[in-house]
Amino acid sequence: LCAALPINPSVRGIVTGFVFTTATLPVTNFRYRKSMQLEVKWGNIYEAYWPTVIRDIVYGICRNYCTIWTLAAAPGWKA
């Protein structure tokens, strides 16, 4: 969805990483804590949020630039 927006790839990666982490981390933490039979509270549902969001932002930025470079190298792959 963000790939269609005419914004800088770095900004797109930051937005994508932030939104992805914010949406999926509570589910991941809930499932992990349940599988390990640990207590689930609102206070630990966003545990490790900042390291995870930073990782996902870096991944999003890298993925956007790699996509740009790959499509520049192989223009026939564009949809």
Protein backbone atom coordinates (compact mmCIF):
# COMPACT_ATOMS: atom_id res chain seq x y z
CA LEU A 1 0.00 0.00 0.00
CA CYS A 2 2.77 2.46 0.90
CA ALA A 3 4.67 1.54 -2.27
CA ALA A 4 2.04 3.39 -4.31
CA LEU A 5 2.64 6.67 -2.48
CA PRO A 6 4.98 9.19 -4.15
CA ILE A 7 7.24 9.69 -1.12
CA ASN A 8 10.92 9.23 -0.39
CA PRO A 9 11.88 5.53 0.10
CA SER A 10 13.38 6.29 3.52
CA VAL A 11 10.19 7.94 4.73
CA ARG A 12 8.15 5.08 3.28
CA GLY A 13 10.35 2.58 5.16
CA ILE A 14 9.97 4.48 8.42
CA VAL A 15 6.18 4.61 8.08
CA THR A 16 5.92 0.97 7.04
CA GLY A 17 8.16 -0.25 9.87
CA PHE A 18 6.35 1.82 12.48
CA VAL A 19 2.86 0.76 11.36
CA PHE A 20 3.83 -2.91 10.97
CA THR A 21 5.41 -3.15 14.42
CA THR A 22 2.63 -1.24 16.14
CA ALA A 23 0.01 -3.51 14.58
CA THR A 24 1.70 -6.90 14.94
CA LEU A 25 3.82 -6.75 18.12
CA PRO A 26 0.89 -7.10 20.56
CA VAL A 27 -0.31 -10.23 18.76
CA THR A 28 3.20 -11.70 18.61
CA ASN A 29 3.86 -10.97 22.29
CA PHE A 30 0.46 -12.35 23.31
CA ARG A 31 1.03 -15.60 21.41
CA TYR A 32 4.59 -15.94 22.73
CA ARG A 33 3.62 -15.34 26.34
CA LYS A 34 0.70 -17.78 26.11
CA SER A 35 2.88 -20.48 24.51
CA MET A 36 5.48 -20.05 27.29
CA GLN A 37 2.70 -20.05 29.92
CA LEU A 38 3.69 -16.56 31.07
CA GLU A 39 1.32 -13.96 32.48
CA VAL A 40 -0.20 -11.62 29.88
CA LYS A 41 -0.88 -8.05 31.02
CA TRP A 42 -1.36 -4.78 29.15
CA GLY A 43 1.98 -3.66 30.51
CA ASN A 44 3.92 -6.40 28.72
CA ILE A 45 1.95 -6.59 25.48
CA TYR A 46 4.27 -3.97 23.91
CA GLU A 47 7.40 -5.40 25.55
CA ALA A 48 10.57 -4.70 23.50
CA TYR A 49 8.68 -2.19 21.35
CA TRP A 50 11.53 0.24 20.60
CA PRO A 51 14.17 -2.34 19.59
CA THR A 52 11.57 -4.07 17.42
CA VAL A 53 10.32 -0.88 15.77
CA ILE A 54 13.89 0.24 15.03
CA ARG A 55 14.68 -3.15 13.47
CA ASP A 56 11.53 -3.05 11.34
CA ILE A 57 12.18 0.54 10.22
CA VAL A 58 15.72 -0.36 9.11
CA TYR A 59 14.33 -3.42 7.32
CA GLY A 60 11.65 -1.32 5.61
CA ILE A 61 14.17 1.26 4.39
CA CYS A 62 16.54 -1.44 3.10
CA ARG A 63 13.71 -3.29 1.38
CA ASN A 64 12.54 -0.12 -0.40
CA TYR A 65 16.01 0.73 -1.69
CA CYS A 66 16.69 -2.86 -2.75
CA THR A 67 13.40 -2.87 -4.67
CA ILE A 68 14.35 0.37 -6.44
CA TRP A 69 17.82 -0.95 -7.35
CA THR A 70 16.47 -4.32 -8.50
CA LEU A 71 13.83 -2.73 -10.73
CA ALA A 72 16.45 -0.36 -12.16
CA ALA A 73 18.70 -3.33 -12.97
CA ALA A 74 15.86 -5.41 -14.43
CA PRO A 75 13.21 -3.03 -15.85
CA GLY A 76 11.27 -5.94 -17.34
CA TRP A 77 10.24 -6.96 -13.80
CA LYS A 78 8.07 -3.87 -13.28
CA ALA A 79 4.40 -4.65 -12.94
